[in-house]
Amino acid sequence: MKKILMVEDIPDNAELARRMLVTAGYEVFHAPDAETGLQMALDVHPDLILLDLGLPDYDGQTLAGWLRAAPETAQTPMVAFTAWPEETARKMVESYGFDGYIGKPLVKVNHFIAQIASFIK
């Protein structure tokens, strides 16, 4: 079973995404902030990291830098999971080593699951 680490501070967003992903057959780990997300990524070795850009302790860009610098997660696909405007999200993807982004809110289950599958090897 493929493992996904979701770093998301809004409980409703996390629960909706978790339900969709579990139903699609993924094992989901959730971290509500950057520090917890970093530790979980190093412990769990996920197949994909979904990373919110606006977190309560450190921003998603900072966490992305830490994850890319760690040998254990340097090659792990990392996707910005954000409600930020598309143009801003695209710039973040390019600037901080993300493999892509998925916009919120999630409204189309099949589209979301297809996006996730496209990032997991």
PDB file of N, CA and C in Angstrom:
ATOM      1  N   MET A   1       0.848  -1.176   0.000  1.00  0.00           N
ATOM      2  CA  MET A   1       0.000   0.000   0.000  1.00  0.00           C
ATOM      3  C   MET A   1       0.896   1.243   0.000  1.00  0.00           C
ATOM      4  N   LYS A   2       0.615   2.167  -0.886  1.00  0.00           N
ATOM      5  CA  LYS A   2       1.388   3.405  -0.976  1.00  0.00           C
ATOM      6  C   LYS A   2       1.029   4.325   0.186  1.00  0.00           C
ATOM      7  N   LYS A   3       2.072   4.996   0.706  1.00  0.00           N
ATOM      8  CA  LYS A   3       1.901   5.868   1.863  1.00  0.00           C
ATOM      9  C   LYS A   3       1.965   7.332   1.432  1.00  0.00           C
ATOM     10  N   ILE A   4       1.014   8.114   1.941  1.00  0.00           N
ATOM     11  CA  ILE A   4       0.973   9.546   1.674  1.00  0.00           C
ATOM     12  C   ILE A   4       1.034  10.290   2.999  1.00  0.00           C
ATOM     13  N   LEU A   5       1.945  11.239   3.087  1.00  0.00           N
ATOM     14  CA  LEU A   5       1.996  12.142   4.225  1.00  0.00           C
ATOM     15  C   LEU A   5       1.343  13.447   3.803  1.00  0.00           C
ATOM     16  N   MET A   6       0.320  13.845   4.538  1.00  0.00           N
ATOM     17  CA  MET A   6      -0.378  15.096   4.271  1.00  0.00           C
ATOM     18  C   MET A   6      -0.063  16.064   5.418  1.00  0.00           C
ATOM     19  N   VAL A   7       0.553  17.194   5.085  1.00  0.00           N
ATOM     20  CA  VAL A   7       0.850  18.227   6.070  1.00  0.00           C
ATOM     21  C   VAL A   7      -0.170  19.340   5.823  1.00  0.00           C
ATOM     22  N   GLU A   8      -1.165  19.397   6.694  1.00  0.00           N
ATOM     23  CA  GLU A   8      -2.316  20.285   6.515  1.00  0.00           C
ATOM     24  C   GLU A   8      -2.830  20.702   7.888  1.00  0.00           C
ATOM     25  N   ASP A   9      -2.973  22.007   8.104  1.00  0.00           N
ATOM     26  CA  ASP A   9      -3.375  22.498   9.424  1.00  0.00           C
ATOM     27  C   ASP A   9      -4.878  22.688   9.604  1.00  0.00           C
ATOM     28  N   ILE A  10      -5.657  22.650   8.553  1.00  0.00           N
ATOM     29  CA  ILE A  10      -7.106  22.827   8.663  1.00  0.00           C
ATOM     30  C   ILE A  10      -7.750  21.441   8.777  1.00  0.00           C
ATOM     31  N   PRO A  11      -8.302  21.116   9.948  1.00  0.00           N
ATOM     32  CA  PRO A  11      -8.837  19.771  10.167  1.00  0.00           C
ATOM     33  C   PRO A  11      -9.865  19.312   9.127  1.00  0.00           C
ATOM     34  N   ASP A  12     -10.759  20.181   8.701  1.00  0.00           N
ATOM     35  CA  ASP A  12     -11.771  19.785   7.709  1.00  0.00           C
ATOM     36  C   ASP A  12     -11.132  19.426   6.372  1.00  0.00           C
ATOM     37  N   ASN A  13     -10.135  20.207   5.935  1.00  0.00           N
ATOM     38  CA  ASN A  13      -9.435  19.901   4.682  1.00  0.00           C
ATOM     39  C   ASN A  13      -8.712  18.564   4.783  1.00  0.00           C
ATOM     40  N   ALA A  14      -8.053  18.351   5.919  1.00  0.00           N
ATOM     41  CA  ALA A  14      -7.305  17.113   6.122  1.00  0.00           C
ATOM     42  C   ALA A  14      -8.238  15.904   6.129  1.00  0.00           C
ATOM     43  N   GLU A  15      -9.360  16.016   6.804  1.00  0.00           N
ATOM     44  CA  GLU A  15     -10.286  14.882   6.902  1.00  0.00           C
ATOM     45  C   GLU A  15     -10.908  14.562   5.548  1.00  0.00           C
ATOM     46  N   LEU A  16     -11.293  15.569   4.785  1.00  0.00           N
ATOM     47  CA  LEU A  16     -11.868  15.324   3.459  1.00  0.00           C
ATOM     48  C   LEU A  16     -10.855  14.619   2.558  1.00  0.00           C
ATOM     49  N   ALA A  17      -9.638  15.138   2.504  1.00  0.00           N
ATOM     50  CA  ALA A  17      -8.605  14.519   1.664  1.00  0.00           C
ATOM     51  C   ALA A  17      -8.287  13.111   2.149  1.00  0.00           C
ATOM     52  N   ARG A  18      -8.189  12.942   3.463  1.00  0.00           N
ATOM     53  CA  ARG A  18      -7.889  11.618   4.028  1.00  0.00           C
ATOM     54  C   ARG A  18      -8.942  10.602   3.621  1.00  0.00           C
ATOM     55  N   ARG A  19     -10.205  10.973   3.722  1.00  0.00           N
ATOM     56  CA  ARG A  19     -11.279  10.042   3.340  1.00  0.00           C
ATOM     57  C   ARG A  19     -11.187   9.645   1.867  1.00  0.00           C
ATOM     58  N   MET A  20     -10.934  10.610   1.025  1.00  0.00           N
ATOM     59  CA  MET A  20     -10.805  10.319  -0.409  1.00  0.00           C
ATOM     60  C   MET A  20      -9.628   9.374  -0.662  1.00  0.00           C
ATOM     61  N   LEU A  21      -8.501   9.641  -0.027  1.00  0.00           N
ATOM     62  CA  LEU A  21      -7.292   8.858  -0.257  1.00  0.00           C
ATOM     63  C   LEU A  21      -7.406   7.444   0.307  1.00  0.00           C
ATOM     64  N   VAL A  22      -7.969   7.315   1.495  1.00  0.00           N
ATOM     65  CA  VAL A  22      -8.141   5.987   2.096  1.00  0.00           C
ATOM     66  C   VAL A  22      -9.099   5.148   1.248  1.00  0.00           C
ATOM     67  N   THR A  23     -10.164   5.761   0.775  1.00  0.00           N
ATOM     68  CA  THR A  23     -11.117   5.054  -0.084  1.00  0.00           C
ATOM     69  C   THR A  23     -10.449   4.574  -1.366  1.00  0.00           C
ATOM     70  N   ALA A  24      -9.465   5.335  -1.842  1.00  0.00           N
ATOM     71  CA  ALA A  24      -8.737   4.968  -3.060  1.00  0.00           C
ATOM     72  C   ALA A  24      -7.615   3.956  -2.787  1.00  0.00           C
ATOM     73  N   GLY A  25      -7.430   3.563  -1.529  1.00  0.00           N
ATOM     74  CA  GLY A  25      -6.457   2.520  -1.223  1.00  0.00           C
ATOM     75  C   GLY A  25      -5.106   2.984  -0.726  1.00  0.00           C
ATOM     76  N   TYR A  26      -4.988   4.244  -0.348  1.00  0.00           N
ATOM     77  CA  TYR A  26      -3.720   4.759   0.166  1.00  0.00           C
ATOM     78  C   TYR A  26      -3.707   4.720   1.693  1.00  0.00           C
ATOM     79  N   GLU A  27      -2.523   4.570   2.257  1.00  0.00           N
ATOM     80  CA  GLU A  27      -2.333   4.720   3.693  1.00  0.00           C
ATOM     81  C   GLU A  27      -1.951   6.180   3.922  1.00  0.00           C
ATOM     82  N   VAL A  28      -2.689   6.862   4.776  1.00  0.00           N
ATOM     83  CA  VAL A  28      -2.509   8.304   4.952  1.00  0.00           C
ATOM     84  C   VAL A  28      -2.014   8.623   6.357  1.00  0.00           C
ATOM     85  N   PHE A  29      -0.985   9.459   6.409  1.00  0.00           N
ATOM     86  CA  PHE A  29      -0.451   9.977   7.654  1.00  0.00           C
ATOM     87  C   PHE A  29      -0.683  11.480   7.634  1.00  0.00           C
ATOM     88  N   HIS A  30      -1.088  12.045   8.760  1.00  0.00           N
ATOM     89  CA  HIS A  30      -1.415  13.467   8.801  1.00  0.00           C
ATOM     90  C   HIS A  30      -0.562  14.192   9.833  1.00  0.00           C
ATOM     91  N   ALA A  31      -0.018  15.324   9.431  1.00  0.00           N
ATOM     92  CA  ALA A  31       0.711  16.214  10.333  1.00  0.00           C
ATOM     93  C   ALA A  31       0.059  17.591  10.259  1.00  0.00           C
ATOM     94  N   PRO A  32      -0.228  18.216  11.417  1.00  0.00           N
ATOM     95  CA  PRO A  32      -0.903  19.516  11.419  1.00  0.00           C
ATOM     96  C   PRO A  32       0.034  20.723  11.318  1.00  0.00           C
ATOM     97  N   ASP A  33       1.338  20.487  11.325  1.00  0.00           N
ATOM     98  CA  ASP A  33       2.288  21.599  11.258  1.00  0.00           C
ATOM     99  C   ASP A  33       3.606  21.109  10.644  1.00  0.00           C
ATOM    100  N   ALA A  34       4.493  22.060  10.373  1.00  0.00           N
ATOM    101  CA  ALA A  34       5.745  21.748   9.672  1.00  0.00           C
ATOM    102  C   ALA A  34       6.685  20.866  10.497  1.00  0.00           C
ATOM    103  N   GLU A  35       6.848  21.171  11.770  1.00  0.00           N
ATOM    104  CA  GLU A  35       7.766  20.371  12.588  1.00  0.00           C
ATOM    105  C   GLU A  35       7.323  18.921  12.680  1.00  0.00           C
ATOM    106  N   THR A  36       6.031  18.708  12.902  1.00  0.00           N
ATOM    107  CA  THR A  36       5.504  17.342  12.953  1.00  0.00           C
ATOM    108  C   THR A  36       5.645  16.683  11.591  1.00  0.00           C
ATOM    109  N   GLY A  37       5.387  17.438  10.531  1.00  0.00           N
ATOM    110  CA  GLY A  37       5.505  16.916   9.178  1.00  0.00           C
ATOM    111  C   GLY A  37       6.912  16.460   8.851  1.00  0.00           C
ATOM    112  N   LEU A  38       7.895  17.236   9.248  1.00  0.00           N
ATOM    113  CA  LEU A  38       9.286  16.857   8.996  1.00  0.00           C
ATOM    114  C   LEU A  38       9.616  15.554   9.715  1.00  0.00           C
ATOM    115  N   GLN A  39       9.261  15.467  10.986  1.00  0.00           N
ATOM    116  CA  GLN A  39       9.560  14.257  11.749  1.00  0.00           C
ATOM    117  C   GLN A  39       8.841  13.045  11.176  1.00  0.00           C
ATOM    118  N   MET A  40       7.576  13.230  10.813  1.00  0.00           N
ATOM    119  CA  MET A  40       6.821  12.102  10.239  1.00  0.00           C
ATOM    120  C   MET A  40       7.408  11.666   8.902  1.00  0.00           C
ATOM    121  N   ALA A  41       7.831  12.614   8.095  1.00  0.00           N
ATOM    122  CA  ALA A  41       8.421  12.263   6.800  1.00  0.00           C
ATOM    123  C   ALA A  41       9.675  11.421   6.988  1.00  0.00           C
ATOM    124  N   LEU A  42      10.485  11.782   7.962  1.00  0.00           N
ATOM    125  CA  LEU A  42      11.712  11.033   8.224  1.00  0.00           C
ATOM    126  C   LEU A  42      11.425   9.655   8.820  1.00  0.00           C
ATOM    127  N   ASP A  43      10.363   9.552   9.601  1.00  0.00           N
ATOM    128  CA  ASP A  43      10.002   8.282  10.239  1.00  0.00           C
ATOM    129  C   ASP A  43       9.243   7.335   9.312  1.00  0.00           C
ATOM    130  N   VAL A  44       8.320   7.878   8.523  1.00  0.00           N
ATOM    131  CA  VAL A  44       7.379   7.074   7.731  1.00  0.00           C
ATOM    132  C   VAL A  44       7.922   6.713   6.351  1.00  0.00           C
ATOM    133  N   HIS A  45       8.775   7.562   5.774  1.00  0.00           N
ATOM    134  CA  HIS A  45       9.272   7.392   4.392  1.00  0.00           C
ATOM    135  C   HIS A  45       8.095   7.258   3.417  1.00  0.00           C
ATOM    136  N   PRO A  46       7.292   8.327   3.287  1.00  0.00           N
ATOM    137  CA  PRO A  46       6.118   8.252   2.426  1.00  0.00           C
ATOM    138  C   PRO A  46       6.489   8.167   0.949  1.00  0.00           C
ATOM    139  N   ASP A  47       5.521   7.703   0.161  1.00  0.00           N
ATOM    140  CA  ASP A  47       5.684   7.662  -1.294  1.00  0.00           C
ATOM    141  C   ASP A  47       5.337   9.003  -1.922  1.00  0.00           C
ATOM    142  N   LEU A  48       4.615   9.850  -1.173  1.00  0.00           N
ATOM    143  CA  LEU A  48       4.208  11.174  -1.644  1.00  0.00           C
ATOM    144  C   LEU A  48       3.975  12.057  -0.428  1.00  0.00           C
ATOM    145  N   ILE A  49       4.359  13.331  -0.556  1.00  0.00           N
ATOM    146  CA  ILE A  49       4.085  14.309   0.488  1.00  0.00           C
ATOM    147  C   ILE A  49       3.180  15.380  -0.103  1.00  0.00           C
ATOM    148  N   LEU A  50       1.989  15.545   0.504  1.00  0.00           N
ATOM    149  CA  LEU A  50       1.073  16.638   0.168  1.00  0.00           C
ATOM    150  C   LEU A  50       1.323  17.729   1.189  1.00  0.00           C
ATOM    151  N   LEU A  51       1.705  18.904   0.743  1.00  0.00           N
ATOM    152  CA  LEU A  51       2.178  19.935   1.653  1.00  0.00           C
ATOM    153  C   LEU A  51       1.425  21.251   1.465  1.00  0.00           C
ATOM    154  N   ASP A  52       0.664  21.616   2.492  1.00  0.00           N
ATOM    155  CA  ASP A  52      -0.013  22.916   2.509  1.00  0.00           C
ATOM    156  C   ASP A  52       1.055  24.003   2.587  1.00  0.00           C
ATOM    157  N   LEU A  53       0.836  25.121   1.920  1.00  0.00           N
ATOM    158  CA  LEU A  53       1.832  26.195   1.929  1.00  0.00           C
ATOM    159  C   LEU A  53       1.681  27.119   3.131  1.00  0.00           C
ATOM    160  N   GLY A  54       0.488  27.213   3.700  1.00  0.00           N
ATOM    161  CA  GLY A  54       0.249  28.087   4.840  1.00  0.00           C
ATOM    162  C   GLY A  54       0.080  27.274   6.111  1.00  0.00           C
ATOM    163  N   LEU A  55       1.158  27.094   6.852  1.00  0.00           N
ATOM    164  CA  LEU A  55       1.125  26.297   8.078  1.00  0.00           C
ATOM    165  C   LEU A  55       1.323  27.206   9.291  1.00  0.00           C
ATOM    166  N   PRO A  56       0.907  26.763  10.475  1.00  0.00           N
ATOM    167  CA  PRO A  56       0.948  27.645  11.644  1.00  0.00           C
ATOM    168  C   PRO A  56       2.335  27.917  12.228  1.00  0.00           C
ATOM    169  N   ASP A  57       3.292  27.009  12.035  1.00  0.00           N
ATOM    170  CA  ASP A  57       4.606  27.225  12.647  1.00  0.00           C
ATOM    171  C   ASP A  57       5.632  27.747  11.640  1.00  0.00           C
ATOM    172  N   TYR A  58       5.839  27.031  10.560  1.00  0.00           N
ATOM    173  CA  TYR A  58       6.722  27.456   9.472  1.00  0.00           C
ATOM    174  C   TYR A  58       5.917  27.347   8.193  1.00  0.00           C
ATOM    175  N   ASP A  59       6.239  28.156   7.206  1.00  0.00           N
ATOM    176  CA  ASP A  59       5.480  28.048   5.964  1.00  0.00           C
ATOM    177  C   ASP A  59       5.895  26.798   5.188  1.00  0.00           C
ATOM    178  N   GLY A  60       5.047  26.413   4.259  1.00  0.00           N
ATOM    179  CA  GLY A  60       5.294  25.211   3.472  1.00  0.00           C
ATOM    180  C   GLY A  60       6.574  25.267   2.662  1.00  0.00           C
ATOM    181  N   GLN A  61       6.970  26.458   2.248  1.00  0.00           N
ATOM    182  CA  GLN A  61       8.198  26.599   1.478  1.00  0.00           C
ATOM    183  C   GLN A  61       9.407  26.237   2.332  1.00  0.00           C
ATOM    184  N   THR A  62       9.394  26.647   3.594  1.00  0.00           N
ATOM    185  CA  THR A  62      10.490  26.308   4.497  1.00  0.00           C
ATOM    186  C   THR A  62      10.570  24.805   4.696  1.00  0.00           C
ATOM    187  N   LEU A  63       9.416  24.189   4.948  1.00  0.00           N
ATOM    188  CA  LEU A  63       9.394  22.739   5.120  1.00  0.00           C
ATOM    189  C   LEU A  63       9.854  22.039   3.847  1.00  0.00           C
ATOM    190  N   ALA A  64       9.446  22.535   2.697  1.00  0.00           N
ATOM    191  CA  ALA A  64       9.882  21.933   1.430  1.00  0.00           C
ATOM    192  C   ALA A  64      11.404  21.954   1.333  1.00  0.00           C
ATOM    193  N   GLY A  65      12.032  23.049   1.742  1.00  0.00           N
ATOM    194  CA  GLY A  65      13.493  23.133   1.731  1.00  0.00           C
ATOM    195  C   GLY A  65      14.136  22.118   2.655  1.00  0.00           C
ATOM    196  N   TRP A  66      13.563  21.961   3.842  1.00  0.00           N
ATOM    197  CA  TRP A  66      14.097  20.968   4.785  1.00  0.00           C
ATOM    198  C   TRP A  66      13.966  19.565   4.208  1.00  0.00           C
ATOM    199  N   LEU A  67      12.820  19.276   3.606  1.00  0.00           N
ATOM    200  CA  LEU A  67      12.580  17.943   3.050  1.00  0.00           C
ATOM    201  C   LEU A  67      13.517  17.645   1.886  1.00  0.00           C
ATOM    202  N   ARG A  68      13.771  18.630   1.044  1.00  0.00           N
ATOM    203  CA  ARG A  68      14.676  18.429  -0.088  1.00  0.00           C
ATOM    204  C   ARG A  68      16.121  18.281   0.378  1.00  0.00           C
ATOM    205  N   ALA A  69      16.465  18.871   1.531  1.00  0.00           N
ATOM    206  CA  ALA A  69      17.829  18.792   2.050  1.00  0.00           C
ATOM    207  C   ALA A  69      18.110  17.474   2.774  1.00  0.00           C
ATOM    208  N   ALA A  70      17.063  16.798   3.227  1.00  0.00           N
ATOM    209  CA  ALA A  70      17.246  15.543   3.962  1.00  0.00           C
ATOM    210  C   ALA A  70      17.409  14.385   2.983  1.00  0.00           C
ATOM    211  N   PRO A  71      18.457  13.586   3.125  1.00  0.00           N
ATOM    212  CA  PRO A  71      18.666  12.465   2.202  1.00  0.00           C
ATOM    213  C   PRO A  71      17.467  11.503   2.138  1.00  0.00           C
ATOM    214  N   GLU A  72      16.778  11.327   3.263  1.00  0.00           N
ATOM    215  CA  GLU A  72      15.653  10.383   3.311  1.00  0.00           C
ATOM    216  C   GLU A  72      14.464  10.831   2.468  1.00  0.00           C
ATOM    217  N   THR A  73      14.330  12.144   2.231  1.00  0.00           N
ATOM    218  CA  THR A  73      13.159  12.658   1.518  1.00  0.00           C
ATOM    219  C   THR A  73      13.510  13.478   0.277  1.00  0.00           C
ATOM    220  N   ALA A  74      14.786  13.557  -0.044  1.00  0.00           N
ATOM    221  CA  ALA A  74      15.217  14.405  -1.159  1.00  0.00           C
ATOM    222  C   ALA A  74      14.555  14.026  -2.483  1.00  0.00           C
ATOM    223  N   GLN A  75      14.278  12.744  -2.681  1.00  0.00           N
ATOM    224  CA  GLN A  75      13.700  12.282  -3.945  1.00  0.00           C
ATOM    225  C   GLN A  75      12.212  11.952  -3.835  1.00  0.00           C
ATOM    226  N   THR A  76      11.621  12.166  -2.669  1.00  0.00           N
ATOM    227  CA  THR A  76      10.200  11.873  -2.487  1.00  0.00           C
ATOM    228  C   THR A  76       9.367  12.896  -3.237  1.00  0.00           C
ATOM    229  N   PRO A  77       8.419  12.453  -4.065  1.00  0.00           N
ATOM    230  CA  PRO A  77       7.544  13.421  -4.727  1.00  0.00           C
ATOM    231  C   PRO A  77       6.833  14.290  -3.689  1.00  0.00           C
ATOM    232  N   MET A  78       6.833  15.597  -3.950  1.00  0.00           N
ATOM    233  CA  MET A  78       6.249  16.563  -3.023  1.00  0.00           C
ATOM    234  C   MET A  78       5.326  17.488  -3.809  1.00  0.00           C
ATOM    235  N   VAL A  79       4.083  17.569  -3.350  1.00  0.00           N
ATOM    236  CA  VAL A  79       3.067  18.331  -4.068  1.00  0.00           C
ATOM    237  C   VAL A  79       2.510  19.419  -3.158  1.00  0.00           C
ATOM    238  N   ALA A  80       2.527  20.657  -3.637  1.00  0.00           N
ATOM    239  CA  ALA A  80       1.902  21.752  -2.894  1.00  0.00           C
ATOM    240  C   ALA A  80       0.393  21.516  -2.904  1.00  0.00           C
ATOM    241  N   PHE A  81      -0.205  21.617  -1.738  1.00  0.00           N
ATOM    242  CA  PHE A  81      -1.640  21.361  -1.549  1.00  0.00           C
ATOM    243  C   PHE A  81      -2.203  22.657  -0.994  1.00  0.00           C
ATOM    244  N   THR A  82      -2.765  23.494  -1.885  1.00  0.00           N
ATOM    245  CA  THR A  82      -2.995  24.875  -1.493  1.00  0.00           C
ATOM    246  C   THR A  82      -4.253  25.490  -2.083  1.00  0.00           C
ATOM    247  N   ALA A  83      -4.766  26.478  -1.368  1.00  0.00           N
ATOM    248  CA  ALA A  83      -5.883  27.279  -1.863  1.00  0.00           C
ATOM    249  C   ALA A  83      -5.368  28.599  -2.443  1.00  0.00           C
ATOM    250  N   TRP A  84      -4.050  28.756  -2.488  1.00  0.00           N
ATOM    251  CA  TRP A  84      -3.480  29.971  -3.056  1.00  0.00           C
ATOM    252  C   TRP A  84      -3.847  30.061  -4.536  1.00  0.00           C
ATOM    253  N   PRO A  85      -3.850  31.260  -5.094  1.00  0.00           N
ATOM    254  CA  PRO A  85      -4.159  31.408  -6.529  1.00  0.00           C
ATOM    255  C   PRO A  85      -3.213  30.571  -7.398  1.00  0.00           C
ATOM    256  N   GLU A  86      -3.724  30.110  -8.521  1.00  0.00           N
ATOM    257  CA  GLU A  86      -2.956  29.207  -9.388  1.00  0.00           C
ATOM    258  C   GLU A  86      -1.602  29.779  -9.779  1.00  0.00           C
ATOM    259  N   GLU A  87      -1.542  31.040 -10.139  1.00  0.00           N
ATOM    260  CA  GLU A  87      -0.266  31.633 -10.564  1.00  0.00           C
ATOM    261  C   GLU A  87       0.757  31.620  -9.425  1.00  0.00           C
ATOM    262  N   THR A  88       0.325  31.946  -8.218  1.00  0.00           N
ATOM    263  CA  THR A  88       1.210  31.919  -7.061  1.00  0.00           C
ATOM    264  C   THR A  88       1.678  30.491  -6.784  1.00  0.00           C
ATOM    265  N   ALA A  89       0.748  29.550  -6.851  1.00  0.00           N
ATOM    266  CA  ALA A  89       1.090  28.141  -6.614  1.00  0.00           C
ATOM    267  C   ALA A  89       2.121  27.660  -7.631  1.00  0.00           C
ATOM    268  N   ARG A  90       1.952  28.019  -8.875  1.00  0.00           N
ATOM    269  CA  ARG A  90       2.918  27.608  -9.915  1.00  0.00           C
ATOM    270  C   ARG A  90       4.318  28.172  -9.621  1.00  0.00           C
ATOM    271  N   LYS A  91       4.386  29.409  -9.160  1.00  0.00           N
ATOM    272  CA  LYS A  91       5.683  30.005  -8.819  1.00  0.00           C
ATOM    273  C   LYS A  91       6.323  29.267  -7.651  1.00  0.00           C
ATOM    274  N   MET A  92       5.516  28.890  -6.668  1.00  0.00           N
ATOM    275  CA  MET A  92       6.035  28.145  -5.521  1.00  0.00           C
ATOM    276  C   MET A  92       6.577  26.785  -5.960  1.00  0.00           C
ATOM    277  N   VAL A  93       5.857  26.131  -6.856  1.00  0.00           N
ATOM    278  CA  VAL A  93       6.281  24.831  -7.381  1.00  0.00           C
ATOM    279  C   VAL A  93       7.661  24.957  -8.011  1.00  0.00           C
ATOM    280  N   GLU A  94       7.839  25.968  -8.836  1.00  0.00           N
ATOM    281  CA  GLU A  94       9.111  26.168  -9.523  1.00  0.00           C
ATOM    282  C   GLU A  94      10.228  26.568  -8.559  1.00  0.00           C
ATOM    283  N   SER A  95       9.927  27.439  -7.626  1.00  0.00           N
ATOM    284  CA  SER A  95      10.953  28.000  -6.742  1.00  0.00           C
ATOM    285  C   SER A  95      11.428  27.061  -5.646  1.00  0.00           C
ATOM    286  N   TYR A  96      10.543  26.166  -5.177  1.00  0.00           N
ATOM    287  CA  TYR A  96      10.868  25.401  -3.979  1.00  0.00           C
ATOM    288  C   TYR A  96      10.971  23.897  -4.201  1.00  0.00           C
ATOM    289  N   GLY A  97      11.070  23.459  -5.419  1.00  0.00           N
ATOM    290  CA  GLY A  97      11.335  22.050  -5.676  1.00  0.00           C
ATOM    291  C   GLY A  97      10.145  21.125  -5.537  1.00  0.00           C
ATOM    292  N   PHE A  98       8.940  21.672  -5.624  1.00  0.00           N
ATOM    293  CA  PHE A  98       7.761  20.812  -5.628  1.00  0.00           C
ATOM    294  C   PHE A  98       7.657  20.106  -6.971  1.00  0.00           C
ATOM    295  N   ASP A  99       6.988  18.971  -6.981  1.00  0.00           N
ATOM    296  CA  ASP A  99       6.769  18.233  -8.227  1.00  0.00           C
ATOM    297  C   ASP A  99       5.481  18.676  -8.921  1.00  0.00           C
ATOM    298  N   GLY A 100       4.673  19.457  -8.248  1.00  0.00           N
ATOM    299  CA  GLY A 100       3.424  19.953  -8.800  1.00  0.00           C
ATOM    300  C   GLY A 100       2.575  20.519  -7.680  1.00  0.00           C
ATOM    301  N   TYR A 101       1.324  20.814  -8.024  1.00  0.00           N
ATOM    302  CA  TYR A 101       0.429  21.310  -6.987  1.00  0.00           C
ATOM    303  C   TYR A 101      -0.989  20.818  -7.252  1.00  0.00           C
ATOM    304  N   ILE A 102      -1.749  20.767  -6.178  1.00  0.00           N
ATOM    305  CA  ILE A 102      -3.163  20.424  -6.231  1.00  0.00           C
ATOM    306  C   ILE A 102      -3.898  21.537  -5.507  1.00  0.00           C
ATOM    307  N   GLY A 103      -4.865  22.118  -6.198  1.00  0.00           N
ATOM    308  CA  GLY A 103      -5.612  23.228  -5.625  1.00  0.00           C
ATOM    309  C   GLY A 103      -6.734  22.770  -4.705  1.00  0.00           C
ATOM    310  N   LYS A 104      -7.002  23.589  -3.715  1.00  0.00           N
ATOM    311  CA  LYS A 104      -8.141  23.395  -2.824  1.00  0.00           C
ATOM    312  C   LYS A 104      -9.136  24.503  -3.127  1.00  0.00           C
ATOM    313  N   PRO A 105     -10.397  24.304  -2.912  1.00  0.00           N
ATOM    314  CA  PRO A 105     -11.006  23.150  -2.243  1.00  0.00           C
ATOM    315  C   PRO A 105     -11.102  21.943  -3.185  1.00  0.00           C
ATOM    316  N   LEU A 106     -11.161  20.770  -2.572  1.00  0.00           N
ATOM    317  CA  LEU A 106     -11.335  19.540  -3.334  1.00  0.00           C
ATOM    318  C   LEU A 106     -12.819  19.365  -3.620  1.00  0.00           C
ATOM    319  N   VAL A 107     -13.166  19.289  -4.897  1.00  0.00           N
ATOM    320  CA  VAL A 107     -14.583  19.135  -5.243  1.00  0.00           C
ATOM    321  C   VAL A 107     -14.842  17.926  -6.134  1.00  0.00           C
ATOM    322  N   LYS A 108     -13.843  17.479  -6.855  1.00  0.00           N
ATOM    323  CA  LYS A 108     -14.014  16.335  -7.754  1.00  0.00           C
ATOM    324  C   LYS A 108     -13.130  15.188  -7.279  1.00  0.00           C
ATOM    325  N   VAL A 109     -13.737  14.194  -6.680  1.00  0.00           N
ATOM    326  CA  VAL A 109     -12.994  13.079  -6.093  1.00  0.00           C
ATOM    327  C   VAL A 109     -12.127  12.383  -7.131  1.00  0.00           C
ATOM    328  N   ASN A 110     -12.703  12.006  -8.244  1.00  0.00           N
ATOM    329  CA  ASN A 110     -11.943  11.267  -9.257  1.00  0.00           C
ATOM    330  C   ASN A 110     -10.764  12.076  -9.795  1.00  0.00           C
ATOM    331  N   HIS A 111     -10.960  13.361  -9.960  1.00  0.00           N
ATOM    332  CA  HIS A 111      -9.872  14.219 -10.444  1.00  0.00           C
ATOM    333  C   HIS A 111      -8.745  14.278  -9.412  1.00  0.00           C
ATOM    334  N   PHE A 112      -9.096  14.434  -8.136  1.00  0.00           N
ATOM    335  CA  PHE A 112      -8.102  14.481  -7.069  1.00  0.00           C
ATOM    336  C   PHE A 112      -7.305  13.171  -7.009  1.00  0.00           C
ATOM    337  N   ILE A 113      -7.988  12.048  -7.071  1.00  0.00           N
ATOM    338  CA  ILE A 113      -7.313  10.754  -6.999  1.00  0.00           C
ATOM    339  C   ILE A 113      -6.413  10.549  -8.230  1.00  0.00           C
ATOM    340  N   ALA A 114      -6.862  10.981  -9.388  1.00  0.00           N
ATOM    341  CA  ALA A 114      -6.038  10.874 -10.595  1.00  0.00           C
ATOM    342  C   ALA A 114      -4.780  11.751 -10.468  1.00  0.00           C
ATOM    343  N   GLN A 115      -4.930  12.938  -9.898  1.00  0.00           N
ATOM    344  CA  GLN A 115      -3.772  13.804  -9.686  1.00  0.00           C
ATOM    345  C   GLN A 115      -2.772  13.121  -8.750  1.00  0.00           C
ATOM    346  N   ILE A 116      -3.255  12.577  -7.672  1.00  0.00           N
ATOM    347  CA  ILE A 116      -2.380  11.890  -6.707  1.00  0.00           C
ATOM    348  C   ILE A 116      -1.638  10.746  -7.404  1.00  0.00           C
ATOM    349  N   ALA A 117      -2.356   9.929  -8.126  1.00  0.00           N
ATOM    350  CA  ALA A 117      -1.752   8.769  -8.809  1.00  0.00           C
ATOM    351  C   ALA A 117      -0.665   9.213  -9.788  1.00  0.00           C
ATOM    352  N   SER A 118      -0.828  10.359 -10.403  1.00  0.00           N
ATOM    353  CA  SER A 118       0.155  10.823 -11.387  1.00  0.00           C
ATOM    354  C   SER A 118       1.502  11.184 -10.749  1.00  0.00           C
ATOM    355  N   PHE A 119       1.510  11.444  -9.451  1.00  0.00           N
ATOM    356  CA  PHE A 119       2.752  11.816  -8.767  1.00  0.00           C
ATOM    357  C   PHE A 119       3.451  10.646  -8.090  1.00  0.00           C
ATOM    358  N   ILE A 120       2.744   9.539  -7.911  1.00  0.00           N
ATOM    359  CA  ILE A 120       3.327   8.393  -7.208  1.00  0.00           C
ATOM    360  C   ILE A 120       3.914   7.416  -8.205  1.00  0.00           C
ATOM    361  N   LYS A 121       5.153   7.021  -7.959  1.00  0.00           N
ATOM    362  CA  LYS A 121       5.844   6.114  -8.878  1.00  0.00           C
ATOM    363  C   LYS A 121       5.594   4.679  -8.502  1.00  0.00           C
TER     364      LYS A 121
END
